[in-house]
C-alpha atoms as a PDB file:
ATOM      1  CA  UNK A   1      10.161 -24.409  24.005  1.00  0.00           C
ATOM      2  CA  UNK A   2      13.721 -23.131  24.336  1.00  0.00           C
ATOM      3  CA  UNK A   3      13.925 -22.167  20.658  1.00  0.00           C
ATOM      4  CA  UNK A   4      12.260 -18.751  20.986  1.00  0.00           C
ATOM      5  CA  UNK A   5      15.383 -17.134  19.500  1.00  0.00           C
ATOM      6  CA  UNK A   6      14.690 -19.008  16.261  1.00  0.00           C
ATOM      7  CA  UNK A   7      11.221 -17.474  15.861  1.00  0.00           C
ATOM      8  CA  UNK A   8      11.202 -14.958  13.010  1.00  0.00           C
ATOM      9  CA  UNK A   9       8.609 -12.483  11.736  1.00  0.00           C
ATOM     10  CA  UNK A  10       7.693 -14.967   8.987  1.00  0.00           C
ATOM     11  CA  UNK A  11       6.656 -17.437  11.692  1.00  0.00           C
ATOM     12  CA  UNK A  12       4.609 -14.869  13.613  1.00  0.00           C
ATOM     13  CA  UNK A  13       2.701 -13.957  10.445  1.00  0.00           C
ATOM     14  CA  UNK A  14       1.367 -17.507  10.198  1.00  0.00           C
ATOM     15  CA  UNK A  15      -0.877 -19.686  12.305  1.00  0.00           C
ATOM     16  CA  UNK A  16       0.221 -21.281  15.585  1.00  0.00           C
ATOM     17  CA  UNK A  17      -1.204 -24.744  16.316  1.00  0.00           C
ATOM     18  CA  UNK A  18      -1.459 -26.707  19.555  1.00  0.00           C
ATOM     19  CA  UNK A  19      -2.105 -30.356  18.699  1.00  0.00           C
ATOM     20  CA  UNK A  20      -3.816 -32.418  21.422  1.00  0.00           C
ATOM     21  CA  UNK A  21      -4.237 -36.175  21.203  1.00  0.00           C
ATOM     22  CA  UNK A  22      -4.418 -39.086  23.584  1.00  0.00           C
ATOM     23  CA  UNK A  23      -4.552 -42.543  22.096  1.00  0.00           C
ATOM     24  CA  UNK A  24      -7.656 -43.948  23.782  1.00  0.00           C
ATOM     25  CA  UNK A  25     -10.854 -42.808  25.535  1.00  0.00           C
ATOM     26  CA  UNK A  26      -9.402 -44.310  28.727  1.00  0.00           C
ATOM     27  CA  UNK A  27      -6.394 -41.989  28.556  1.00  0.00           C
ATOM     28  CA  UNK A  28      -8.701 -39.033  27.984  1.00  0.00           C
ATOM     29  CA  UNK A  29     -10.719 -39.916  31.109  1.00  0.00           C
ATOM     30  CA  UNK A  30      -7.859 -40.817  33.491  1.00  0.00           C
ATOM     31  CA  UNK A  31      -5.146 -38.359  32.364  1.00  0.00           C
ATOM     32  CA  UNK A  32      -7.012 -35.073  32.334  1.00  0.00           C
ATOM     33  CA  UNK A  33      -3.956 -33.219  33.624  1.00  0.00           C
ATOM     34  CA  UNK A  34      -2.203 -34.031  30.332  1.00  0.00           C
ATOM     35  CA  UNK A  35      -4.811 -32.121  28.346  1.00  0.00           C
ATOM     36  CA  UNK A  36      -4.662 -29.256  30.851  1.00  0.00           C
ATOM     37  CA  UNK A  37      -0.892 -29.092  30.464  1.00  0.00           C
ATOM     38  CA  UNK A  38      -1.148 -29.134  26.683  1.00  0.00           C
ATOM     39  CA  UNK A  39      -3.651 -26.286  26.692  1.00  0.00           C
ATOM     40  CA  UNK A  40      -1.189 -24.324  28.801  1.00  0.00           C
ATOM     41  CA  UNK A  41       0.991 -24.289  25.673  1.00  0.00           C
ATOM     42  CA  UNK A  42      -1.528 -21.834  24.195  1.00  0.00           C
ATOM     43  CA  UNK A  43      -0.529 -19.255  26.794  1.00  0.00           C
ATOM     44  CA  UNK A  44       3.132 -19.908  25.995  1.00  0.00           C
ATOM     45  CA  UNK A  45       2.483 -19.115  22.321  1.00  0.00           C
ATOM     46  CA  UNK A  46       0.843 -15.829  23.267  1.00  0.00           C
ATOM     47  CA  UNK A  47       3.921 -14.922  25.289  1.00  0.00           C
ATOM     48  CA  UNK A  48       6.124 -15.707  22.280  1.00  0.00           C
ATOM     49  CA  UNK A  49       4.305 -13.125  20.155  1.00  0.00           C
ATOM     50  CA  UNK A  50       1.343 -14.808  18.474  1.00  0.00           C
ATOM     51  CA  UNK A  51      -2.071 -13.146  18.775  1.00  0.00           C
ATOM     52  CA  UNK A  52      -5.098 -14.912  20.245  1.00  0.00           C
ATOM     53  CA  UNK A  53      -6.852 -15.180  16.876  1.00  0.00           C
ATOM     54  CA  UNK A  54      -3.743 -16.825  15.399  1.00  0.00           C
ATOM     55  CA  UNK A  55      -3.586 -19.697  17.920  1.00  0.00           C
ATOM     56  CA  UNK A  56      -5.624 -22.806  17.111  1.00  0.00           C
ATOM     57  CA  UNK A  57      -6.074 -25.822  19.387  1.00  0.00           C
ATOM     58  CA  UNK A  58      -6.634 -29.028  17.406  1.00  0.00           C
ATOM     59  CA  UNK A  59      -8.254 -31.628  19.666  1.00  0.00           C
ATOM     60  CA  UNK A  60     -10.578 -33.517  17.288  1.00  0.00           C
ATOM     61  CA  UNK A  61      -8.370 -36.619  17.513  1.00  0.00           C
ATOM     62  CA  UNK A  62      -8.752 -37.153  21.253  1.00  0.00           C
ATOM     63  CA  UNK A  63      -9.162 -40.840  22.041  1.00  0.00           C
ATOM     64  CA  UNK A  64      -8.000 -41.987  18.592  1.00  0.00           C
ATOM     65  CA  UNK A  65      -5.003 -44.175  17.905  1.00  0.00           C
ATOM     66  CA  UNK A  66      -2.052 -42.674  16.053  1.00  0.00           C
ATOM     67  CA  UNK A  67      -1.193 -45.844  14.181  1.00  0.00           C
ATOM     68  CA  UNK A  68      -3.184 -44.718  11.149  1.00  0.00           C
ATOM     69  CA  UNK A  69      -3.955 -41.280   9.678  1.00  0.00           C
ATOM     70  CA  UNK A  70      -7.413 -42.364   8.500  1.00  0.00           C
ATOM     71  CA  UNK A  71     -10.222 -41.107  10.723  1.00  0.00           C
ATOM     72  CA  UNK A  72      -7.997 -38.460  12.336  1.00  0.00           C
ATOM     73  CA  UNK A  73      -9.577 -35.361  10.832  1.00  0.00           C
ATOM     74  CA  UNK A  74      -7.528 -33.012  12.977  1.00  0.00           C
ATOM     75  CA  UNK A  75      -4.262 -34.586  11.836  1.00  0.00           C
ATOM     76  CA  UNK A  76      -5.288 -34.573   8.172  1.00  0.00           C
ATOM     77  CA  UNK A  77      -6.269 -30.884   8.239  1.00  0.00           C
ATOM     78  CA  UNK A  78      -3.082 -30.035  10.125  1.00  0.00           C
ATOM     79  CA  UNK A  79      -0.952 -31.857   7.539  1.00  0.00           C
ATOM     80  CA  UNK A  80      -2.667 -29.953   4.726  1.00  0.00           C
ATOM     81  CA  UNK A  81      -2.136 -26.571   6.420  1.00  0.00           C
ATOM     82  CA  UNK A  82       1.531 -27.349   7.049  1.00  0.00           C
ATOM     83  CA  UNK A  83       1.984 -28.332   3.402  1.00  0.00           C
ATOM     84  CA  UNK A  84       0.424 -25.049   2.266  1.00  0.00           C
ATOM     85  CA  UNK A  85       2.705 -23.015   4.508  1.00  0.00           C
ATOM     86  CA  UNK A  86      -0.075 -21.725   6.758  1.00  0.00           C
ATOM     87  CA  UNK A  87       1.497 -22.950  10.014  1.00  0.00           C
ATOM     88  CA  UNK A  88       4.336 -21.012  11.626  1.00  0.00           C
ATOM     89  CA  UNK A  89       4.726 -23.239  14.674  1.00  0.00           C
ATOM     90  CA  UNK A  90       3.324 -26.546  15.930  1.00  0.00           C
ATOM     91  CA  UNK A  91       3.521 -27.462  19.615  1.00  0.00           C
ATOM     92  CA  UNK A  92       2.362 -30.282  21.858  1.00  0.00           C
ATOM     93  CA  UNK A  93       3.587 -32.949  24.258  1.00  0.00           C
ATOM     94  CA  UNK A  94       5.162 -36.002  22.639  1.00  0.00           C
ATOM     95  CA  UNK A  95       4.953 -34.418  19.189  1.00  0.00           C
ATOM     96  CA  UNK A  96       6.861 -37.397  17.825  1.00  0.00           C
ATOM     97  CA  UNK A  97       3.614 -39.330  18.091  1.00  0.00           C
ATOM     98  CA  UNK A  98       2.333 -37.274  15.188  1.00  0.00           C
ATOM     99  CA  UNK A  99       4.414 -39.544  13.020  1.00  0.00           C
ATOM    100  CA  UNK A 100       2.876 -42.766  14.317  1.00  0.00           C
ATOM    101  CA  UNK A 101       1.058 -43.012  10.997  1.00  0.00           C
ATOM    102  CA  UNK A 102       4.343 -43.306   9.124  1.00  0.00           C
ATOM    103  CA  UNK A 103       3.865 -47.087   8.943  1.00  0.00           C
ATOM    104  CA  UNK A 104       0.982 -46.534   6.520  1.00  0.00           C
ATOM    105  CA  UNK A 105       3.148 -44.531   4.127  1.00  0.00           C
ATOM    106  CA  UNK A 106       4.333 -46.643   1.193  1.00  0.00           C
ATOM    107  CA  UNK A 107       7.998 -46.912   0.344  1.00  0.00           C
ATOM    108  CA  UNK A 108       9.197 -44.363  -2.222  1.00  0.00           C
ATOM    109  CA  UNK A 109       8.959 -45.476  -5.822  1.00  0.00           C
ATOM    110  CA  UNK A 110      12.277 -46.079  -7.536  1.00  0.00           C
ATOM    111  CA  UNK A 111      12.277 -44.286 -10.897  1.00  0.00           C
ATOM    112  CA  UNK A 112      14.590 -45.685 -13.587  1.00  0.00           C
ATOM    113  CA  UNK A 113      17.341 -43.407 -14.821  1.00  0.00           C
ATOM    114  CA  UNK A 114      15.928 -43.238 -18.351  1.00  0.00           C
ATOM    115  CA  UNK A 115      12.556 -42.093 -17.041  1.00  0.00           C
ATOM    116  CA  UNK A 116      14.157 -39.475 -14.793  1.00  0.00           C
ATOM    117  CA  UNK A 117      16.051 -38.071 -17.775  1.00  0.00           C
ATOM    118  CA  UNK A 118      12.823 -37.974 -19.764  1.00  0.00           C
ATOM    119  CA  UNK A 119      11.154 -35.986 -16.965  1.00  0.00           C
ATOM    120  CA  UNK A 120      14.070 -33.547 -16.825  1.00  0.00           C
ATOM    121  CA  UNK A 121      13.911 -33.041 -20.596  1.00  0.00           C
ATOM    122  CA  UNK A 122      10.147 -32.481 -20.453  1.00  0.00           C
ATOM    123  CA  UNK A 123      10.608 -29.893 -17.724  1.00  0.00           C
ATOM    124  CA  UNK A 124      13.287 -28.128 -19.749  1.00  0.00           C
ATOM    125  CA  UNK A 125      11.028 -27.937 -22.810  1.00  0.00           C
ATOM    126  CA  UNK A 126       7.883 -26.993 -20.899  1.00  0.00           C
ATOM    127  CA  UNK A 127       8.158 -23.203 -21.486  1.00  0.00           C
ATOM    128  CA  UNK A 128       8.231 -23.636 -25.268  1.00  0.00           C
ATOM    129  CA  UNK A 129       5.310 -26.095 -25.431  1.00  0.00           C
ATOM    130  CA  UNK A 130       3.135 -24.453 -22.759  1.00  0.00           C
ATOM    131  CA  UNK A 131       1.586 -21.965 -25.162  1.00  0.00           C
ATOM    132  CA  UNK A 132       0.647 -24.757 -27.575  1.00  0.00           C
ATOM    133  CA  UNK A 133      -1.350 -26.711 -24.990  1.00  0.00           C
ATOM    134  CA  UNK A 134      -5.133 -26.463 -24.697  1.00  0.00           C
ATOM    135  CA  UNK A 135      -6.686 -25.103 -21.520  1.00  0.00           C
ATOM    136  CA  UNK A 136      -7.743 -28.562 -20.385  1.00  0.00           C
ATOM    137  CA  UNK A 137      -4.265 -29.952 -21.055  1.00  0.00           C
ATOM    138  CA  UNK A 138      -2.731 -27.160 -18.972  1.00  0.00           C
ATOM    139  CA  UNK A 139      -5.124 -27.892 -16.098  1.00  0.00           C
ATOM    140  CA  UNK A 140      -4.369 -31.607 -16.228  1.00  0.00           C
ATOM    141  CA  UNK A 141      -0.632 -30.994 -16.256  1.00  0.00           C
ATOM    142  CA  UNK A 142      -0.835 -28.622 -13.306  1.00  0.00           C
ATOM    143  CA  UNK A 143      -2.868 -31.138 -11.300  1.00  0.00           C
ATOM    144  CA  UNK A 144      -0.091 -33.687 -11.744  1.00  0.00           C
ATOM    145  CA  UNK A 145       2.600 -31.201 -10.673  1.00  0.00           C
ATOM    146  CA  UNK A 146       0.985 -29.126  -7.915  1.00  0.00           C
ATOM    147  CA  UNK A 147      -0.480 -30.452  -4.673  1.00  0.00           C
ATOM    148  CA  UNK A 148      -1.661 -27.128  -3.247  1.00  0.00           C
ATOM    149  CA  UNK A 149      -1.938 -23.386  -3.885  1.00  0.00           C
ATOM    150  CA  UNK A 150      -2.200 -20.701  -1.224  1.00  0.00           C
ATOM    151  CA  UNK A 151      -3.096 -17.098  -2.117  1.00  0.00           C
ATOM    152  CA  UNK A 152      -2.738 -14.236   0.340  1.00  0.00           C
ATOM    153  CA  UNK A 153      -3.921 -10.798  -0.673  1.00  0.00           C
ATOM    154  CA  UNK A 154      -1.770  -8.092   0.843  1.00  0.00           C
ATOM    155  CA  UNK A 155      -2.809  -4.500   1.635  1.00  0.00           C
ATOM    156  CA  UNK A 156      -0.371  -3.054  -0.939  1.00  0.00           C
ATOM    157  CA  UNK A 157      -2.474  -4.335  -3.893  1.00  0.00           C
ATOM    158  CA  UNK A 158      -0.320  -7.406  -4.392  1.00  0.00           C
ATOM    159  CA  UNK A 159      -0.973 -11.117  -3.959  1.00  0.00           C
ATOM    160  CA  UNK A 160       1.482 -13.590  -2.484  1.00  0.00           C
ATOM    161  CA  UNK A 161       1.243 -16.933  -4.302  1.00  0.00           C
ATOM    162  CA  UNK A 162       2.594 -20.073  -2.652  1.00  0.00           C
ATOM    163  CA  UNK A 163       2.790 -23.296  -4.679  1.00  0.00           C
ATOM    164  CA  UNK A 164       3.379 -26.652  -3.016  1.00  0.00           C
ATOM    165  CA  UNK A 165       4.746 -29.101  -5.589  1.00  0.00           C
ATOM    166  CA  UNK A 166       4.155 -32.841  -5.523  1.00  0.00           C
ATOM    167  CA  UNK A 167       7.741 -33.488  -4.570  1.00  0.00           C
ATOM    168  CA  UNK A 168       7.453 -31.264  -1.501  1.00  0.00           C
ATOM    169  CA  UNK A 169       9.237 -28.186  -2.849  1.00  0.00           C
ATOM    170  CA  UNK A 170       7.596 -24.806  -2.334  1.00  0.00           C
ATOM    171  CA  UNK A 171       7.655 -21.792  -4.681  1.00  0.00           C
ATOM    172  CA  UNK A 172       6.573 -18.293  -3.670  1.00  0.00           C
ATOM    173  CA  UNK A 173       5.974 -15.215  -5.775  1.00  0.00           C
ATOM    174  CA  UNK A 174       4.386 -11.805  -5.276  1.00  0.00           C
ATOM    175  CA  UNK A 175       2.389 -10.364  -8.181  1.00  0.00           C
ATOM    176  CA  UNK A 176       0.641  -7.054  -8.665  1.00  0.00           C
ATOM    177  CA  UNK A 177      -3.098  -6.940  -9.244  1.00  0.00           C
ATOM    178  CA  UNK A 178      -5.248  -4.014 -10.385  1.00  0.00           C
ATOM    179  CA  UNK A 179      -7.799  -2.778  -7.854  1.00  0.00           C
ATOM    180  CA  UNK A 180     -10.929  -0.766  -8.595  1.00  0.00           C
ATOM    181  CA  UNK A 181     -10.097   2.255  -6.454  1.00  0.00           C
ATOM    182  CA  UNK A 182      -7.651   3.482  -3.826  1.00  0.00           C
ATOM    183  CA  UNK A 183      -9.525   6.723  -3.190  1.00  0.00           C
ATOM    184  CA  UNK A 184      -9.514   7.920   0.434  1.00  0.00           C
ATOM    185  CA  UNK A 185      -7.215   5.081   1.492  1.00  0.00           C
ATOM    186  CA  UNK A 186      -3.849   5.092   3.207  1.00  0.00           C
ATOM    187  CA  UNK A 187      -2.208   3.980  -0.037  1.00  0.00           C
ATOM    188  CA  UNK A 188      -3.593   6.890  -2.054  1.00  0.00           C
ATOM    189  CA  UNK A 189      -2.509   9.285   0.699  1.00  0.00           C
ATOM    190  CA  UNK A 190       0.990   7.854   0.390  1.00  0.00           C
ATOM    191  CA  UNK A 191       0.913   8.308  -3.396  1.00  0.00           C
ATOM    192  CA  UNK A 192      -0.350  11.884  -3.124  1.00  0.00           C
ATOM    193  CA  UNK A 193       2.255  12.826  -0.531  1.00  0.00           C
ATOM    194  CA  UNK A 194       5.034  11.462  -2.737  1.00  0.00           C
ATOM    195  CA  UNK A 195       3.668  13.294  -5.789  1.00  0.00           C
ATOM    196  CA  UNK A 196       3.581  16.508  -3.768  1.00  0.00           C
ATOM    197  CA  UNK A 197       7.192  16.053  -2.658  1.00  0.00           C
ATOM    198  CA  UNK A 198       8.432  15.327  -6.188  1.00  0.00           C
ATOM    199  CA  UNK A 199       6.459  18.281  -7.568  1.00  0.00           C
ATOM    200  CA  UNK A 200       8.186  20.521  -5.019  1.00  0.00           C
ATOM    201  CA  UNK A 201      11.493  19.233  -6.369  1.00  0.00           C
ATOM    202  CA  UNK A 202      10.477  20.517  -9.792  1.00  0.00           C
ATOM    203  CA  UNK A 203       9.837  17.168 -11.487  1.00  0.00           C
ATOM    204  CA  UNK A 204       7.518  16.955 -14.479  1.00  0.00           C
ATOM    205  CA  UNK A 205       4.566  14.558 -14.694  1.00  0.00           C
ATOM    206  CA  UNK A 206       6.636  12.140 -16.780  1.00  0.00           C
ATOM    207  CA  UNK A 207       9.494  12.215 -14.284  1.00  0.00           C
ATOM    208  CA  UNK A 208       7.154  11.731 -11.322  1.00  0.00           C
ATOM    209  CA  UNK A 209       5.465   8.725 -12.980  1.00  0.00           C
ATOM    210  CA  UNK A 210       8.849   7.146 -13.698  1.00  0.00           C
ATOM    211  CA  UNK A 211      10.048   7.715 -10.137  1.00  0.00           C
ATOM    212  CA  UNK A 212       6.914   6.226  -8.535  1.00  0.00           C
ATOM    213  CA  UNK A 213       7.240   3.140 -10.731  1.00  0.00           C
ATOM    214  CA  UNK A 214      10.874   2.780  -9.707  1.00  0.00           C
ATOM    215  CA  UNK A 215       9.841   2.991  -6.041  1.00  0.00           C
ATOM    216  CA  UNK A 216       7.357   0.144  -6.534  1.00  0.00           C
ATOM    217  CA  UNK A 217       4.171   2.145  -5.951  1.00  0.00           C
ATOM    218  CA  UNK A 218       1.084   0.847  -7.773  1.00  0.00           C
ATOM    219  CA  UNK A 219      -1.970   2.861  -8.891  1.00  0.00           C
ATOM    220  CA  UNK A 220      -5.477   1.468  -9.081  1.00  0.00           C
ATOM    221  CA  UNK A 221      -6.706  -0.213 -12.282  1.00  0.00           C
ATOM    222  CA  UNK A 222      -3.247  -0.093 -13.839  1.00  0.00           C
ATOM    223  CA  UNK A 223       0.086  -1.847 -13.532  1.00  0.00           C
ATOM    224  CA  UNK A 224       2.125   1.352 -13.437  1.00  0.00           C
ATOM    225  CA  UNK A 225       1.857   5.130 -13.122  1.00  0.00           C
ATOM    226  CA  UNK A 226       1.519   7.241 -16.261  1.00  0.00           C
ATOM    227  CA  UNK A 227       1.698  11.036 -16.722  1.00  0.00           C
ATOM    228  CA  UNK A 228      -2.097  11.005 -17.185  1.00  0.00           C
ATOM    229  CA  UNK A 229      -2.608   9.336 -13.788  1.00  0.00           C
ATOM    230  CA  UNK A 230      -0.248  11.832 -12.159  1.00  0.00           C
ATOM    231  CA  UNK A 231      -2.174  14.705 -13.740  1.00  0.00           C
ATOM    232  CA  UNK A 232      -5.525  13.381 -12.401  1.00  0.00           C
ATOM    233  CA  UNK A 233      -4.180  12.952  -8.886  1.00  0.00           C
ATOM    234  CA  UNK A 234      -2.601  16.406  -8.880  1.00  0.00           C
ATOM    235  CA  UNK A 235      -5.840  17.974 -10.085  1.00  0.00           C
ATOM    236  CA  UNK A 236      -7.993  16.055  -7.552  1.00  0.00           C
ATOM    237  CA  UNK A 237      -5.786  16.975  -4.611  1.00  0.00           C
ATOM    238  CA  UNK A 238      -4.929  20.518  -5.670  1.00  0.00           C
ATOM    239  CA  UNK A 239      -1.221  19.940  -6.205  1.00  0.00           C
ATOM    240  CA  UNK A 240       0.165  22.870  -8.176  1.00  0.00           C
ATOM    241  CA  UNK A 241       3.451  22.537 -10.028  1.00  0.00           C
ATOM    242  CA  UNK A 242       6.248  24.966  -9.288  1.00  0.00           C
ATOM    243  CA  UNK A 243       5.923  26.513 -12.731  1.00  0.00           C
ATOM    244  CA  UNK A 244       2.221  27.132 -12.146  1.00  0.00           C
ATOM    245  CA  UNK A 245       2.977  28.636  -8.727  1.00  0.00           C
ATOM    246  CA  UNK A 246       5.368  31.040 -10.388  1.00  0.00           C
ATOM    247  CA  UNK A 247       2.812  31.943 -13.055  1.00  0.00           C
ATOM    248  CA  UNK A 248       0.175  32.614 -10.412  1.00  0.00           C
ATOM    249  CA  UNK A 249       2.535  34.865  -8.460  1.00  0.00           C
ATOM    250  CA  UNK A 250       2.435  32.657  -5.362  1.00  0.00           C
ATOM    251  CA  UNK A 251       6.167  32.792  -4.685  1.00  0.00           C
ATOM    252  CA  UNK A 252       7.070  34.815  -1.597  1.00  0.00           C
ATOM    253  CA  UNK A 253      10.835  34.959  -2.156  1.00  0.00           C
ATOM    254  CA  UNK A 254      10.942  35.806  -5.841  1.00  0.00           C
ATOM    255  CA  UNK A 255       9.572  37.763  -8.767  1.00  0.00           C
ATOM    256  CA  UNK A 256       8.944  36.102 -12.103  1.00  0.00           C
ATOM    257  CA  UNK A 257      10.284  37.761 -15.218  1.00  0.00           C
ATOM    258  CA  UNK A 258       6.896  39.306 -16.153  1.00  0.00           C
ATOM    259  CA  UNK A 259       6.541  40.641 -12.589  1.00  0.00           C
ATOM    260  CA  UNK A 260      10.029  42.171 -12.684  1.00  0.00           C
ATOM    261  CA  UNK A 261       9.331  43.738 -16.083  1.00  0.00           C
ATOM    262  CA  UNK A 262       6.223  45.346 -14.627  1.00  0.00           C
ATOM    263  CA  UNK A 263       8.191  46.733 -11.657  1.00  0.00           C
ATOM    264  CA  UNK A 264      10.874  48.175 -13.959  1.00  0.00           C
ATOM    265  CA  UNK A 265       8.209  49.460 -16.377  1.00  0.00           C
ATOM    266  CA  UNK A 266       9.842  47.776 -19.348  1.00  0.00           C
ATOM    267  CA  UNK A 267       8.703  45.154 -21.843  1.00  0.00           C
ATOM    268  CA  UNK A 268       9.520  41.519 -21.203  1.00  0.00           C
ATOM    269  CA  UNK A 269      11.732  41.324 -24.278  1.00  0.00           C
ATOM    270  CA  UNK A 270      13.992  44.029 -22.735  1.00  0.00           C
ATOM    271  CA  UNK A 271      14.940  41.592 -19.968  1.00  0.00           C
ATOM    272  CA  UNK A 272      15.004  38.534 -22.265  1.00  0.00           C
ATOM    273  CA  UNK A 273      17.332  40.362 -24.680  1.00  0.00           C
ATOM    274  CA  UNK A 274      19.809  41.285 -21.976  1.00  0.00           C
ATOM    275  CA  UNK A 275      19.797  37.773 -20.566  1.00  0.00           C
ATOM    276  CA  UNK A 276      20.588  36.441 -24.058  1.00  0.00           C
ATOM    277  CA  UNK A 277      23.362  39.026 -24.487  1.00  0.00           C
ATOM    278  CA  UNK A 278      24.874  38.205 -21.080  1.00  0.00           C
ATOM    279  CA  UNK A 279      24.223  41.668 -19.686  1.00  0.00           C
ATOM    280  CA  UNK A 280      21.972  40.107 -17.057  1.00  0.00           C
ATOM    281  CA  UNK A 281      23.611  36.949 -15.740  1.00  0.00           C
ATOM    282  CA  UNK A 282      20.964  34.640 -14.353  1.00  0.00           C
ATOM    283  CA  UNK A 283      20.095  30.951 -14.680  1.00  0.00           C
ATOM    284  CA  UNK A 284      16.725  29.301 -14.842  1.00  0.00           C
ATOM    285  CA  UNK A 285      15.689  27.956 -11.476  1.00  0.00           C
ATOM    286  CA  UNK A 286      15.973  24.135 -11.699  1.00  0.00           C
ATOM    287  CA  UNK A 287      12.943  23.566  -9.480  1.00  0.00           C
ATOM    288  CA  UNK A 288      10.623  26.023 -11.200  1.00  0.00           C
ATOM    289  CA  UNK A 289      11.958  25.888 -14.742  1.00  0.00           C
ATOM    290  CA  UNK A 290      11.911  29.667 -15.250  1.00  0.00           C
ATOM    291  CA  UNK A 291      13.856  32.848 -14.421  1.00  0.00           C
ATOM    292  CA  UNK A 292      13.285  34.003 -10.853  1.00  0.00           C
ATOM    293  CA  UNK A 293      14.519  37.287  -9.375  1.00  0.00           C
ATOM    294  CA  UNK A 294      15.035  37.716  -5.600  1.00  0.00           C
ATOM    295  CA  UNK A 295      12.280  39.670  -3.919  1.00  0.00           C
ATOM    296  CA  UNK A 296      14.547  42.281  -2.353  1.00  0.00           C
ATOM    297  CA  UNK A 297      15.398  45.951  -2.810  1.00  0.00           C
ATOM    298  CA  UNK A 298      19.006  45.329  -3.854  1.00  0.00           C
ATOM    299  CA  UNK A 299      18.004  43.294  -6.946  1.00  0.00           C
ATOM    300  CA  UNK A 300      15.473  45.893  -8.050  1.00  0.00           C
ATOM    301  CA  UNK A 301      18.031  48.720  -7.597  1.00  0.00           C
ATOM    302  CA  UNK A 302      20.634  46.790  -9.626  1.00  0.00           C
ATOM    303  CA  UNK A 303      18.242  46.352 -12.544  1.00  0.00           C
ATOM    304  CA  UNK A 304      17.147  49.991 -12.382  1.00  0.00           C
ATOM    305  CA  UNK A 305      20.797  51.071 -12.576  1.00  0.00           C
ATOM    306  CA  UNK A 306      21.227  48.763 -15.587  1.00  0.00           C
ATOM    307  CA  UNK A 307      18.170  50.304 -17.196  1.00  0.00           C
ATOM    308  CA  UNK A 308      19.580  53.827 -16.706  1.00  0.00           C
ATOM    309  CA  UNK A 309      22.955  52.615 -18.065  1.00  0.00           C
ATOM    310  CA  UNK A 310      24.761  53.376 -14.824  1.00  0.00           C
ATOM    311  CA  UNK A 311      26.134  49.818 -14.816  1.00  0.00           C
ATOM    312  CA  UNK A 312      26.954  47.505 -17.721  1.00  0.00           C
ATOM    313  CA  UNK A 313      26.342  44.082 -16.161  1.00  0.00           C
ATOM    314  CA  UNK A 314      24.211  42.579 -13.410  1.00  0.00           C
ATOM    315  CA  UNK A 315      24.691  39.148 -11.819  1.00  0.00           C
ATOM    316  CA  UNK A 316      21.677  37.673 -10.035  1.00  0.00           C
ATOM    317  CA  UNK A 317      21.497  34.592  -7.797  1.00  0.00           C
ATOM    318  CA  UNK A 318      18.254  32.635  -8.069  1.00  0.00           C
ATOM    319  CA  UNK A 319      16.523  32.875  -4.643  1.00  0.00           C
ATOM    320  CA  UNK A 320      15.563  29.162  -4.513  1.00  0.00           C
ATOM    321  CA  UNK A 321      18.937  27.926  -5.748  1.00  0.00           C
ATOM    322  CA  UNK A 322      21.052  25.852  -3.398  1.00  0.00           C
ATOM    323  CA  UNK A 323      24.208  27.106  -5.005  1.00  0.00           C
END
């Protein structure tokens, strides 16, 4: 057990197995300290980072010979779990004895070159013929190719699929799946917080949906975010866009154009006309998408002087601008 440095997070996420076996009932009776020592390995696994519910002791094969795999239910289940990628570590004394059943394994079949080439060609053409096969034909073909499938549903509304092929190769893929609801869950809270942040940056519903999809976030009952989904979430959680905040007069640092027109006692078009003519130099606030005037006495005095024709031009810095 000196290889603790080789243990990765991928190992710790899987099952840890202690395999116990002594070849005969006599060994079980007269060498009890061996079993005690092997069970001590369980404590070693806990020290290496595995949790108690992850550690399994397989001792069904006590007193059985290792010359054959038949009758050794513990060994057979262990072999299946290893093949499906469920086991992160396997420990025991004299682990090499696990392979005592190798004598029962037949010699590998020698496949002629012509047949190998035919298999390669069939594999190359499989994508184009797959859609033409019946459901039963697809099932039969998969049974000949795949020896095991392991599905693990993850908390981020995805499923990790692990395929164990007949030849021993393993393929893994993560796919998204629609879920019925994420309401009042940690994932929805994460979505809402991100929507709030992007709304504060002045993004539209379309831009927010595109950004969330780029970041890999997944809504419920859909494969991707849409502006309609963003709108529902904003309405449910009371997220107000910057433009709406400005319209409602909820900005503490600025006046909107209608509010400034009211303070100056002029019509809105008076200000719009002078902005168009360049008399009032001001840019739309990029976050709020409208003209915002600083909420200070100096700005109001400048515009009053412009109104009374005491000055010819006024330059105004948007209060929320970073420039």
